[in-house]
PDB file of N, CA and C in Angstrom:
ATOM      1  N   MET A   1     -82.176-186.451 255.800  1.00  0.00           N
ATOM      2  CA  MET A   1     -81.748-186.067 254.485  1.00  0.00           C
ATOM      3  C   MET A   1     -80.841-184.844 254.595  1.00  0.00           C
ATOM      4  N   ALA A   2     -79.731-184.883 253.918  1.00  0.00           N
ATOM      5  CA  ALA A   2     -78.782-183.778 253.964  1.00  0.00           C
ATOM      6  C   ALA A   2     -79.251-182.633 253.075  1.00  0.00           C
ATOM      7  N   ILE A   3     -78.975-181.411 253.492  1.00  0.00           N
ATOM      8  CA  ILE A   3     -79.288-180.240 252.685  1.00  0.00           C
ATOM      9  C   ILE A   3     -78.140-180.012 251.721  1.00  0.00           C
ATOM     10  N   VAL A   4     -78.481-179.864 250.459  1.00  0.00           N
ATOM     11  CA  VAL A   4     -77.482-179.598 249.422  1.00  0.00           C
ATOM     12  C   VAL A   4     -77.696-178.174 248.951  1.00  0.00           C
ATOM     13  N   ARG A   5     -76.633-177.400 248.917  1.00  0.00           N
ATOM     14  CA  ARG A   5     -76.746-176.005 248.489  1.00  0.00           C
ATOM     15  C   ARG A   5     -75.883-175.770 247.259  1.00  0.00           C
ATOM     16  N   TYR A   6     -76.442-175.041 246.318  1.00  0.00           N
ATOM     17  CA  TYR A   6     -75.722-174.658 245.116  1.00  0.00           C
ATOM     18  C   TYR A   6     -75.824-173.155 244.946  1.00  0.00           C
ATOM     19  N   THR A   7     -74.881-172.595 244.259  1.00  0.00           N
ATOM     20  CA  THR A   7     -74.982-171.213 243.802  1.00  0.00           C
ATOM     21  C   THR A   7     -75.082-171.272 242.289  1.00  0.00           C
ATOM     22  N   ILE A   8     -75.355-170.162 241.680  1.00  0.00           N
ATOM     23  CA  ILE A   8     -75.452-170.127 240.226  1.00  0.00           C
ATOM     24  C   ILE A   8     -74.131-170.581 239.580  1.00  0.00           C
ATOM     25  N   ASP A   9     -73.032-170.386 240.291  1.00  0.00           N
ATOM     26  CA  ASP A   9     -71.718-170.756 239.750  1.00  0.00           C
ATOM     27  C   ASP A   9     -71.366-172.226 239.974  1.00  0.00           C
ATOM     28  N   THR A  10     -72.049-172.898 240.907  1.00  0.00           N
ATOM     29  CA  THR A  10     -71.686-174.278 241.221  1.00  0.00           C
ATOM     30  C   THR A  10     -72.739-175.305 240.808  1.00  0.00           C
ATOM     31  N   LEU A  11     -73.787-174.850 240.097  1.00  0.00           N
ATOM     32  CA  LEU A  11     -74.802-175.799 239.641  1.00  0.00           C
ATOM     33  C   LEU A  11     -74.184-176.804 238.673  1.00  0.00           C
ATOM     34  N   PRO A  12     -74.528-178.080 238.815  1.00  0.00           N
ATOM     35  CA  PRO A  12     -74.013-179.060 237.854  1.00  0.00           C
ATOM     36  C   PRO A  12     -74.646-178.843 236.484  1.00  0.00           C
ATOM     37  N   ARG A  13     -73.930-179.169 235.424  1.00  0.00           N
ATOM     38  CA  ARG A  13     -74.443-179.008 234.060  1.00  0.00           C
ATOM     39  C   ARG A  13     -75.580-179.994 233.806  1.00  0.00           C
ATOM     40  N   ILE A  14     -76.542-179.573 233.015  1.00  0.00           N
ATOM     41  CA  ILE A  14     -77.680-180.415 232.661  1.00  0.00           C
ATOM     42  C   ILE A  14     -77.262-181.330 231.506  1.00  0.00           C
ATOM     43  N   THR A  15     -77.615-182.607 231.638  1.00  0.00           N
ATOM     44  CA  THR A  15     -77.293-183.554 230.572  1.00  0.00           C
ATOM     45  C   THR A  15     -78.292-183.402 229.425  1.00  0.00           C
ATOM     46  N   GLU A  16     -77.950-183.923 228.260  1.00  0.00           N
ATOM     47  CA  GLU A  16     -78.840-183.877 227.106  1.00  0.00           C
ATOM     48  C   GLU A  16     -80.153-184.603 227.413  1.00  0.00           C
ATOM     49  N   GLU A  17     -80.058-185.730 228.119  1.00  0.00           N
ATOM     50  CA  GLU A  17     -81.248-186.494 228.497  1.00  0.00           C
ATOM     51  C   GLU A  17     -82.163-185.677 229.417  1.00  0.00           C
ATOM     52  N   GLU A  18     -81.581-184.973 230.382  1.00  0.00           N
ATOM     53  CA  GLU A  18     -82.367-184.130 231.284  1.00  0.00           C
ATOM     54  C   GLU A  18     -83.027-182.982 230.517  1.00  0.00           C
ATOM     55  N   MET A  19     -82.289-182.407 229.562  1.00  0.00           N
ATOM     56  CA  MET A  19     -82.824-181.307 228.768  1.00  0.00           C
ATOM     57  C   MET A  19     -84.021-181.778 227.940  1.00  0.00           C
ATOM     58  N   LEU A  20     -83.922-182.954 227.338  1.00  0.00           N
ATOM     59  CA  LEU A  20     -85.034-183.495 226.555  1.00  0.00           C
ATOM     60  C   LEU A  20     -86.250-183.766 227.440  1.00  0.00           C
ATOM     61  N   ALA A  21     -86.020-184.301 228.630  1.00  0.00           N
ATOM     62  CA  ALA A  21     -87.116-184.577 229.556  1.00  0.00           C
ATOM     63  C   ALA A  21     -87.798-183.277 229.992  1.00  0.00           C
ATOM     64  N   MET A  22     -87.024-182.229 230.251  1.00  0.00           N
ATOM     65  CA  MET A  22     -87.605-180.948 230.655  1.00  0.00           C
ATOM     66  C   MET A  22     -88.381-180.311 229.513  1.00  0.00           C
ATOM     67  N   ARG A  23     -87.868-180.428 228.286  1.00  0.00           N
ATOM     68  CA  ARG A  23     -88.603-179.884 227.134  1.00  0.00           C
ATOM     69  C   ARG A  23     -89.931-180.612 226.944  1.00  0.00           C
ATOM     70  N   ALA A  24     -89.925-181.931 227.094  1.00  0.00           N
ATOM     71  CA  ALA A  24     -91.159-182.703 226.950  1.00  0.00           C
ATOM     72  C   ALA A  24     -92.163-182.306 228.036  1.00  0.00           C
ATOM     73  N   LEU A  25     -91.682-182.113 229.248  1.00  0.00           N
ATOM     74  CA  LEU A  25     -92.546-181.710 230.352  1.00  0.00           C
ATOM     75  C   LEU A  25     -93.105-180.309 230.125  1.00  0.00           C
ATOM     76  N   ALA A  26     -92.279-179.401 229.612  1.00  0.00           N
ATOM     77  CA  ALA A  26     -92.720-178.027 229.361  1.00  0.00           C
ATOM     78  C   ALA A  26     -93.817-177.978 228.308  1.00  0.00           C
ATOM     79  N   GLU A  27     -93.786-178.893 227.364  1.00  0.00           N
ATOM     80  CA  GLU A  27     -94.792-178.915 226.299  1.00  0.00           C
ATOM     81  C   GLU A  27     -96.071-179.632 226.721  1.00  0.00           C
ATOM     82  N   MET A  28     -96.036-180.341 227.838  1.00  0.00           N
ATOM     83  CA  MET A  28     -97.188-181.108 228.304  1.00  0.00           C
ATOM     84  C   MET A  28     -98.193-180.176 228.995  1.00  0.00           C
ATOM     85  N   PRO A  29     -99.497-180.345 228.740  1.00  0.00           N
ATOM     86  CA  PRO A  29    -100.493-179.534 229.449  1.00  0.00           C
ATOM     87  C   PRO A  29    -100.424-179.817 230.962  1.00  0.00           C
ATOM     88  N   ASP A  30    -100.675-178.788 231.757  1.00  0.00           N
ATOM     89  CA  ASP A  30    -100.577-178.923 233.217  1.00  0.00           C
ATOM     90  C   ASP A  30    -101.443-180.046 233.766  1.00  0.00           C
ATOM     91  N   ASP A  31    -102.641-180.221 233.202  1.00  0.00           N
ATOM     92  CA  ASP A  31    -103.539-181.238 233.754  1.00  0.00           C
ATOM     93  C   ASP A  31    -103.101-182.667 233.431  1.00  0.00           C
ATOM     94  N   GLU A  32    -102.076-182.832 232.599  1.00  0.00           N
ATOM     95  CA  GLU A  32    -101.548-184.164 232.293  1.00  0.00           C
ATOM     96  C   GLU A  32    -100.309-184.523 233.122  1.00  0.00           C
ATOM     97  N   ILE A  33     -99.827-183.580 233.911  1.00  0.00           N
ATOM     98  CA  ILE A  33     -98.640-183.825 234.730  1.00  0.00           C
ATOM     99  C   ILE A  33     -99.064-184.452 236.050  1.00  0.00           C
ATOM    100  N   ASP A  34     -98.526-185.627 236.352  1.00  0.00           N
ATOM    101  CA  ASP A  34     -98.881-186.354 237.573  1.00  0.00           C
ATOM    102  C   ASP A  34     -98.050-185.839 238.747  1.00  0.00           C
ATOM    103  N   CYS A  35     -98.702-185.159 239.667  1.00  0.00           N
ATOM    104  CA  CYS A  35     -98.037-184.621 240.859  1.00  0.00           C
ATOM    105  C   CYS A  35     -98.498-185.338 242.117  1.00  0.00           C
ATOM    106  N   SER A  36     -99.137-186.497 241.955  1.00  0.00           N
ATOM    107  CA  SER A  36     -99.738-187.185 243.088  1.00  0.00           C
ATOM    108  C   SER A  36     -98.715-187.677 244.114  1.00  0.00           C
ATOM    109  N   ASP A  37     -97.454-187.839 243.717  1.00  0.00           N
ATOM    110  CA  ASP A  37     -96.448-188.332 244.650  1.00  0.00           C
ATOM    111  C   ASP A  37     -95.728-187.203 245.388  1.00  0.00           C
ATOM    112  N   ILE A  38     -96.135-185.964 245.145  1.00  0.00           N
ATOM    113  CA  ILE A  38     -95.502-184.815 245.796  1.00  0.00           C
ATOM    114  C   ILE A  38     -96.324-184.449 247.032  1.00  0.00           C
ATOM    115  N   PRO A  39     -95.744-184.539 248.226  1.00  0.00           N
ATOM    116  CA  PRO A  39     -96.521-184.212 249.427  1.00  0.00           C
ATOM    117  C   PRO A  39     -96.810-182.713 249.507  1.00  0.00           C
ATOM    118  N   GLU A  40     -97.977-182.379 250.067  1.00  0.00           N
ATOM    119  CA  GLU A  40     -98.305-180.970 250.259  1.00  0.00           C
ATOM    120  C   GLU A  40     -97.411-180.400 251.348  1.00  0.00           C
ATOM    121  N   MET A  41     -97.085-179.111 251.211  1.00  0.00           N
ATOM    122  CA  MET A  41     -96.240-178.455 252.196  1.00  0.00           C
ATOM    123  C   MET A  41     -97.106-177.840 253.282  1.00  0.00           C
ATOM    124  N   THR A  42     -96.578-177.841 254.495  1.00  0.00           N
ATOM    125  CA  THR A  42     -97.290-177.226 255.616  1.00  0.00           C
ATOM    126  C   THR A  42     -97.094-175.711 255.572  1.00  0.00           C
ATOM    127  N   GLU A  43     -97.914-174.992 256.309  1.00  0.00           N
ATOM    128  CA  GLU A  43     -97.759-173.538 256.389  1.00  0.00           C
ATOM    129  C   GLU A  43     -96.380-173.169 256.939  1.00  0.00           C
ATOM    130  N   GLU A  44     -95.884-173.956 257.906  1.00  0.00           N
ATOM    131  CA  GLU A  44     -94.567-173.685 258.487  1.00  0.00           C
ATOM    132  C   GLU A  44     -93.477-173.826 257.420  1.00  0.00           C
ATOM    133  N   GLU A  45     -93.581-174.844 256.580  1.00  0.00           N
ATOM    134  CA  GLU A  45     -92.589-175.025 255.508  1.00  0.00           C
ATOM    135  C   GLU A  45     -92.667-173.885 254.496  1.00  0.00           C
ATOM    136  N   LEU A  46     -93.879-173.493 254.131  1.00  0.00           N
ATOM    137  CA  LEU A  46     -94.045-172.405 253.167  1.00  0.00           C
ATOM    138  C   LEU A  46     -93.518-171.089 253.721  1.00  0.00           C
ATOM    139  N   ASP A  47     -93.645-170.875 255.032  1.00  0.00           N
ATOM    140  CA  ASP A  47     -93.163-169.643 255.651  1.00  0.00           C
ATOM    141  C   ASP A  47     -91.643-169.512 255.591  1.00  0.00           C
ATOM    142  N   GLN A  48     -90.936-170.627 255.388  1.00  0.00           N
ATOM    143  CA  GLN A  48     -89.474-170.587 255.333  1.00  0.00           C
ATOM    144  C   GLN A  48     -88.951-170.076 253.992  1.00  0.00           C
ATOM    145  N   PHE A  49     -89.801-170.056 252.964  1.00  0.00           N
ATOM    146  CA  PHE A  49     -89.352-169.619 251.651  1.00  0.00           C
ATOM    147  C   PHE A  49     -89.135-168.118 251.612  1.00  0.00           C
ATOM    148  N   ARG A  50     -88.116-167.714 250.903  1.00  0.00           N
ATOM    149  CA  ARG A  50     -87.818-166.311 250.666  1.00  0.00           C
ATOM    150  C   ARG A  50     -87.539-166.151 249.172  1.00  0.00           C
ATOM    151  N   PRO A  51     -87.812-164.981 248.607  1.00  0.00           N
ATOM    152  CA  PRO A  51     -87.507-164.775 247.190  1.00  0.00           C
ATOM    153  C   PRO A  51     -86.012-164.951 246.928  1.00  0.00           C
ATOM    154  N   ALA A  52     -85.696-165.499 245.770  1.00  0.00           N
ATOM    155  CA  ALA A  52     -84.290-165.677 245.397  1.00  0.00           C
ATOM    156  C   ALA A  52     -83.669-164.315 245.149  1.00  0.00           C
ATOM    157  N   ARG A  53     -82.478-164.146 245.616  1.00  0.00           N
ATOM    158  CA  ARG A  53     -81.754-162.910 245.356  1.00  0.00           C
ATOM    159  C   ARG A  53     -80.993-163.081 244.053  1.00  0.00           C
ATOM    160  N   LEU A  54     -81.190-162.161 243.165  1.00  0.00           N
ATOM    161  CA  LEU A  54     -80.527-162.256 241.875  1.00  0.00           C
ATOM    162  C   LEU A  54     -79.078-161.818 241.992  1.00  0.00           C
ATOM    163  N   LYS A  55     -78.242-162.373 241.133  1.00  0.00           N
ATOM    164  CA  LYS A  55     -76.835-162.019 241.150  1.00  0.00           C
ATOM    165  C   LYS A  55     -76.644-160.564 240.711  1.00  0.00           C
ATOM    166  N   ILE A  56     -77.501-160.101 239.805  1.00  0.00           N
ATOM    167  CA  ILE A  56     -77.429-158.701 239.387  1.00  0.00           C
ATOM    168  C   ILE A  56     -78.474-157.925 240.168  1.00  0.00           C
ATOM    169  N   GLY A  57     -78.140-156.757 240.597  1.00  0.00           N
ATOM    170  CA  GLY A  57     -79.067-155.981 241.410  1.00  0.00           C
ATOM    171  C   GLY A  57     -79.120-156.527 242.821  1.00  0.00           C
ATOM    172  N   PHE A  58     -80.135-156.140 243.548  1.00  0.00           N
ATOM    173  CA  PHE A  58     -80.293-156.672 244.894  1.00  0.00           C
ATOM    174  C   PHE A  58     -81.768-156.736 245.236  1.00  0.00           C
ATOM    175  N   TYR A  59     -82.067-157.471 246.260  1.00  0.00           N
ATOM    176  CA  TYR A  59     -83.433-157.637 246.721  1.00  0.00           C
ATOM    177  C   TYR A  59     -83.527-157.086 248.126  1.00  0.00           C
ATOM    178  N   LYS A  60     -84.549-156.305 248.392  1.00  0.00           N
ATOM    179  CA  LYS A  60     -84.761-155.772 249.739  1.00  0.00           C
ATOM    180  C   LYS A  60     -85.937-156.500 250.361  1.00  0.00           C
ATOM    181  N   GLU A  61     -85.724-157.031 251.555  1.00  0.00           N
ATOM    182  CA  GLU A  61     -86.786-157.757 252.260  1.00  0.00           C
ATOM    183  C   GLU A  61     -87.988-156.842 252.456  1.00  0.00           C
ATOM    184  N   PRO A  62     -89.198-157.350 252.249  1.00  0.00           N
ATOM    185  CA  PRO A  62     -90.375-156.527 252.509  1.00  0.00           C
ATOM    186  C   PRO A  62     -90.520-156.257 254.002  1.00  0.00           C
ATOM    187  N   PRO A  63     -91.150-155.161 254.361  1.00  0.00           N
ATOM    188  CA  PRO A  63     -91.336-154.885 255.798  1.00  0.00           C
ATOM    189  C   PRO A  63     -92.263-155.912 256.409  1.00  0.00           C
ATOM    190  N   GLU A  64     -92.044-156.183 257.702  1.00  0.00           N
ATOM    191  CA  GLU A  64     -92.882-157.121 258.438  1.00  0.00           C
ATOM    192  C   GLU A  64     -94.291-156.540 258.541  1.00  0.00           C
ATOM    193  N   THR A  65     -95.282-157.403 258.348  1.00  0.00           N
ATOM    194  CA  THR A  65     -96.658-156.962 258.518  1.00  0.00           C
ATOM    195  C   THR A  65     -97.145-157.379 259.887  1.00  0.00           C
ATOM    196  N   THR A  66     -98.011-156.580 260.453  1.00  0.00           N
ATOM    197  CA  THR A  66     -98.524-156.890 261.787  1.00  0.00           C
ATOM    198  C   THR A  66     -99.941-157.359 261.747  1.00  0.00           C
TER     199      THR A  66
END
């Protein structure tokens, strides 16, 4: 699978249909959302995540813990 990268300036616009689907999902209680088809992530995959850097201001990496 190819990696697709976007920036805040290159994100595709959301369609009206997508917006309606997201609003319906946002109003749905968490226990009614079916997440059974989403595979669990491994510790190695989770370790690759970093906080998003905001366009305004800056983010400083936390110090390494030992």
